[in-house]
Amino acid sequence: MGTAADVWHRWGVLRLAGARLLDDRDRAGVRAVLESDPIAACMVAARVEVAGLDPWRLGGELWAVGSRLDGLCFSGANLVPLRGERSAIRAFADRARRHGRGCSSLVGRAELVLPLWDDLAPHWRRPARCARTSR
């Protein structure tokens, strides 16, 4: 029996859609994505440069959507969506909901953070203290 996350590949192979946890094998691709928006990604880029992608050393997890890292999100003390269309943001929200609220804040570009919060707010018990849309 399938779930909402089940997707059939065009050759009939069942694949799970959604955000996946990255590891050091993905480091070159992650660095390229982070370098494409150095201002928004500076905090995550600094951590990746020092610690790599191992969650224990990184102080959080880096999630991706798509084989070309079409979506990228850091989940640690803060939840930081770095890149992604609406479908990627939904996948990050789904993963964050499954793991439970482990962050204190959502941080990043408003066009990524606000839709992510819209998806998470009904499932996380505490309301937003403040939504700063222009910083």
C-alpha atoms as a PDB file:
ATOM      1  CA  MET A   1       0.000   0.000   0.000  1.00  0.00           C
ATOM      2  CA  GLY A   2       1.442   3.370  -1.022  1.00  0.00           C
ATOM      3  CA  THR A   3       1.671   6.666   0.724  1.00  0.00           C
ATOM      4  CA  ALA A   4       1.357  10.200  -0.550  1.00  0.00           C
ATOM      5  CA  ALA A   5       5.145  10.232  -0.965  1.00  0.00           C
ATOM      6  CA  ASP A   6       5.196   7.277  -3.381  1.00  0.00           C
ATOM      7  CA  VAL A   7       6.097   8.150  -6.955  1.00  0.00           C
ATOM      8  CA  TRP A   8       6.310   5.781  -9.898  1.00  0.00           C
ATOM      9  CA  HIS A   9       9.358   6.303 -12.064  1.00  0.00           C
ATOM     10  CA  ARG A  10       8.628   6.284 -15.782  1.00  0.00           C
ATOM     11  CA  TRP A  11      10.179   2.798 -16.101  1.00  0.00           C
ATOM     12  CA  GLY A  12       7.860   1.354 -13.468  1.00  0.00           C
ATOM     13  CA  VAL A  13      10.247   1.486 -10.527  1.00  0.00           C
ATOM     14  CA  LEU A  14       8.761   2.710  -7.254  1.00  0.00           C
ATOM     15  CA  ARG A  15      10.760   5.564  -5.728  1.00  0.00           C
ATOM     16  CA  LEU A  16      10.113   7.627  -2.640  1.00  0.00           C
ATOM     17  CA  ALA A  17       9.888  11.327  -3.305  1.00  0.00           C
ATOM     18  CA  GLY A  18      10.884  13.845  -0.719  1.00  0.00           C
ATOM     19  CA  ALA A  19      13.857  15.318   1.027  1.00  0.00           C
ATOM     20  CA  ARG A  20      16.885  13.107   1.562  1.00  0.00           C
ATOM     21  CA  LEU A  21      19.724  13.403   4.048  1.00  0.00           C
ATOM     22  CA  LEU A  22      23.029  14.375   2.423  1.00  0.00           C
ATOM     23  CA  ASP A  23      26.463  13.085   3.327  1.00  0.00           C
ATOM     24  CA  ASP A  24      30.061  13.820   2.361  1.00  0.00           C
ATOM     25  CA  ARG A  25      29.584  12.189  -1.049  1.00  0.00           C
ATOM     26  CA  ASP A  26      27.374  15.189  -1.886  1.00  0.00           C
ATOM     27  CA  ARG A  27      29.869  17.805  -0.703  1.00  0.00           C
ATOM     28  CA  ALA A  28      30.992  19.108  -4.127  1.00  0.00           C
ATOM     29  CA  GLY A  29      27.418  19.646  -5.279  1.00  0.00           C
ATOM     30  CA  VAL A  30      26.459  21.295  -2.001  1.00  0.00           C
ATOM     31  CA  ARG A  31      29.401  23.683  -2.210  1.00  0.00           C
ATOM     32  CA  ALA A  32      28.369  24.690  -5.733  1.00  0.00           C
ATOM     33  CA  VAL A  33      24.814  25.425  -4.567  1.00  0.00           C
ATOM     34  CA  LEU A  34      26.033  27.390  -1.545  1.00  0.00           C
ATOM     35  CA  GLU A  35      28.425  29.425  -3.699  1.00  0.00           C
ATOM     36  CA  SER A  36      25.546  30.382  -6.011  1.00  0.00           C
ATOM     37  CA  ASP A  37      23.974  32.487  -3.212  1.00  0.00           C
ATOM     38  CA  PRO A  38      26.837  33.294  -0.816  1.00  0.00           C
ATOM     39  CA  ILE A  39      24.980  35.898   1.249  1.00  0.00           C
ATOM     40  CA  ALA A  40      21.961  33.752   2.103  1.00  0.00           C
ATOM     41  CA  ALA A  41      24.107  30.637   2.557  1.00  0.00           C
ATOM     42  CA  CYS A  42      27.028  32.116   4.522  1.00  0.00           C
ATOM     43  CA  MET A  43      26.212  30.467   7.876  1.00  0.00           C
ATOM     44  CA  VAL A  44      25.670  27.021   6.372  1.00  0.00           C
ATOM     45  CA  ALA A  45      28.618  27.375   3.970  1.00  0.00           C
ATOM     46  CA  ALA A  46      30.978  28.169   6.851  1.00  0.00           C
ATOM     47  CA  ARG A  47      29.822  25.102   8.758  1.00  0.00           C
ATOM     48  CA  VAL A  48      30.115  22.832   5.716  1.00  0.00           C
ATOM     49  CA  GLU A  49      33.611  24.159   4.975  1.00  0.00           C
ATOM     50  CA  VAL A  50      34.805  23.301   8.480  1.00  0.00           C
ATOM     51  CA  ALA A  51      32.802  20.180   9.282  1.00  0.00           C
ATOM     52  CA  GLY A  52      31.749  18.550   6.020  1.00  0.00           C
ATOM     53  CA  LEU A  53      28.259  17.063   5.820  1.00  0.00           C
ATOM     54  CA  ASP A  54      28.378  14.575   8.678  1.00  0.00           C
ATOM     55  CA  PRO A  55      25.392  15.592  10.857  1.00  0.00           C
ATOM     56  CA  TRP A  56      27.264  15.087  14.124  1.00  0.00           C
ATOM     57  CA  ARG A  57      30.148  17.359  13.103  1.00  0.00           C
ATOM     58  CA  LEU A  58      27.916  19.778  11.165  1.00  0.00           C
ATOM     59  CA  GLY A  59      25.577  20.354  14.089  1.00  0.00           C
ATOM     60  CA  GLY A  60      22.548  19.492  12.001  1.00  0.00           C
ATOM     61  CA  GLU A  61      21.412  17.804   8.835  1.00  0.00           C
ATOM     62  CA  LEU A  62      21.520  19.007   5.268  1.00  0.00           C
ATOM     63  CA  TRP A  63      18.539  17.866   3.203  1.00  0.00           C
ATOM     64  CA  ALA A  64      18.127  17.894  -0.552  1.00  0.00           C
ATOM     65  CA  VAL A  65      15.449  17.348  -3.137  1.00  0.00           C
ATOM     66  CA  GLY A  66      16.346  16.179  -6.622  1.00  0.00           C
ATOM     67  CA  SER A  67      19.468  14.531  -7.946  1.00  0.00           C
ATOM     68  CA  ARG A  68      20.886  17.944  -8.902  1.00  0.00           C
ATOM     69  CA  LEU A  69      20.151  19.433  -5.486  1.00  0.00           C
ATOM     70  CA  ASP A  70      17.188  21.379  -6.841  1.00  0.00           C
ATOM     71  CA  GLY A  71      16.218  22.007  -3.218  1.00  0.00           C
ATOM     72  CA  LEU A  72      18.524  22.391  -0.229  1.00  0.00           C
ATOM     73  CA  CYS A  73      17.729  22.952   3.459  1.00  0.00           C
ATOM     74  CA  PHE A  74      19.783  22.949   6.666  1.00  0.00           C
ATOM     75  CA  SER A  75      18.122  21.581   9.797  1.00  0.00           C
ATOM     76  CA  GLY A  76      19.888  22.276  13.063  1.00  0.00           C
ATOM     77  CA  ALA A  77      19.374  24.887  15.766  1.00  0.00           C
ATOM     78  CA  ASN A  78      17.710  26.852  12.954  1.00  0.00           C
ATOM     79  CA  LEU A  79      15.811  25.541   9.951  1.00  0.00           C
ATOM     80  CA  VAL A  80      17.337  27.245   6.907  1.00  0.00           C
ATOM     81  CA  PRO A  81      15.816  26.640   3.470  1.00  0.00           C
ATOM     82  CA  LEU A  82      18.518  27.569   0.968  1.00  0.00           C
ATOM     83  CA  ARG A  83      17.050  26.714  -2.398  1.00  0.00           C
ATOM     84  CA  GLY A  84      13.952  25.169  -3.888  1.00  0.00           C
ATOM     85  CA  GLU A  85      10.686  25.478  -5.711  1.00  0.00           C
ATOM     86  CA  ARG A  86       7.381  25.008  -3.887  1.00  0.00           C
ATOM     87  CA  SER A  87       7.537  21.201  -4.161  1.00  0.00           C
ATOM     88  CA  ALA A  88      10.962  21.158  -2.483  1.00  0.00           C
ATOM     89  CA  ILE A  89       9.712  23.405   0.325  1.00  0.00           C
ATOM     90  CA  ARG A  90       6.810  20.982   0.883  1.00  0.00           C
ATOM     91  CA  ALA A  91       9.262  18.077   1.044  1.00  0.00           C
ATOM     92  CA  PHE A  92      11.346  19.925   3.650  1.00  0.00           C
ATOM     93  CA  ALA A  93       8.209  20.668   5.684  1.00  0.00           C
ATOM     94  CA  ASP A  94       7.212  16.989   5.524  1.00  0.00           C
ATOM     95  CA  ARG A  95      10.628  15.884   6.767  1.00  0.00           C
ATOM     96  CA  ALA A  96      10.657  18.519   9.530  1.00  0.00           C
ATOM     97  CA  ARG A  97       7.177  17.447  10.657  1.00  0.00           C
ATOM     98  CA  ARG A  98       8.239  13.788  10.800  1.00  0.00           C
ATOM     99  CA  HIS A  99      11.305  14.647  12.908  1.00  0.00           C
ATOM    100  CA  GLY A 100       9.455  17.014  15.230  1.00  0.00           C
ATOM    101  CA  ARG A 101      10.344  20.578  16.029  1.00  0.00           C
ATOM    102  CA  GLY A 102      14.042  20.653  16.820  1.00  0.00           C
ATOM    103  CA  CYS A 103      14.841  24.220  15.812  1.00  0.00           C
ATOM    104  CA  SER A 104      14.298  27.550  17.491  1.00  0.00           C
ATOM    105  CA  SER A 105      13.819  29.594  14.307  1.00  0.00           C
ATOM    106  CA  LEU A 106      13.295  29.504  10.579  1.00  0.00           C
ATOM    107  CA  VAL A 107      15.935  31.672   8.939  1.00  0.00           C
ATOM    108  CA  GLY A 108      16.626  32.674   5.360  1.00  0.00           C
ATOM    109  CA  ARG A 109      15.162  34.377   2.352  1.00  0.00           C
ATOM    110  CA  ALA A 110      11.509  35.314   2.874  1.00  0.00           C
ATOM    111  CA  GLU A 111      10.420  33.665  -0.388  1.00  0.00           C
ATOM    112  CA  LEU A 112      11.624  30.315   1.019  1.00  0.00           C
ATOM    113  CA  VAL A 113      10.960  30.736   4.746  1.00  0.00           C
ATOM    114  CA  LEU A 114       7.368  32.004   4.590  1.00  0.00           C
ATOM    115  CA  PRO A 115       5.961  29.089   2.538  1.00  0.00           C
ATOM    116  CA  LEU A 116       7.890  26.664   4.752  1.00  0.00           C
ATOM    117  CA  TRP A 117       6.346  28.242   7.853  1.00  0.00           C
ATOM    118  CA  ASP A 118       2.891  28.126   6.231  1.00  0.00           C
ATOM    119  CA  ASP A 119       3.323  24.355   5.865  1.00  0.00           C
ATOM    120  CA  LEU A 120       4.729  23.831   9.371  1.00  0.00           C
ATOM    121  CA  ALA A 121       2.649  26.211  11.509  1.00  0.00           C
ATOM    122  CA  PRO A 122      -0.480  24.028  11.709  1.00  0.00           C
ATOM    123  CA  HIS A 123       1.628  21.077  12.930  1.00  0.00           C
ATOM    124  CA  TRP A 124       3.971  22.805  15.382  1.00  0.00           C
ATOM    125  CA  ARG A 125       2.188  23.737  18.587  1.00  0.00           C
ATOM    126  CA  ARG A 126       3.958  26.993  19.401  1.00  0.00           C
ATOM    127  CA  PRO A 127       2.996  29.966  17.248  1.00  0.00           C
ATOM    128  CA  ALA A 128       5.592  32.166  15.601  1.00  0.00           C
ATOM    129  CA  ARG A 129       6.860  34.831  17.957  1.00  0.00           C
ATOM    130  CA  CYS A 130       7.642  37.197  15.132  1.00  0.00           C
ATOM    131  CA  ALA A 131       7.631  36.977  11.357  1.00  0.00           C
ATOM    132  CA  ARG A 132      10.253  39.360  10.018  1.00  0.00           C
ATOM    133  CA  THR A 133       9.661  39.509   6.289  1.00  0.00           C
ATOM    134  CA  SER A 134      12.173  42.235   5.478  1.00  0.00           C
ATOM    135  CA  ARG A 135      15.635  41.878   6.919  1.00  0.00           C
END
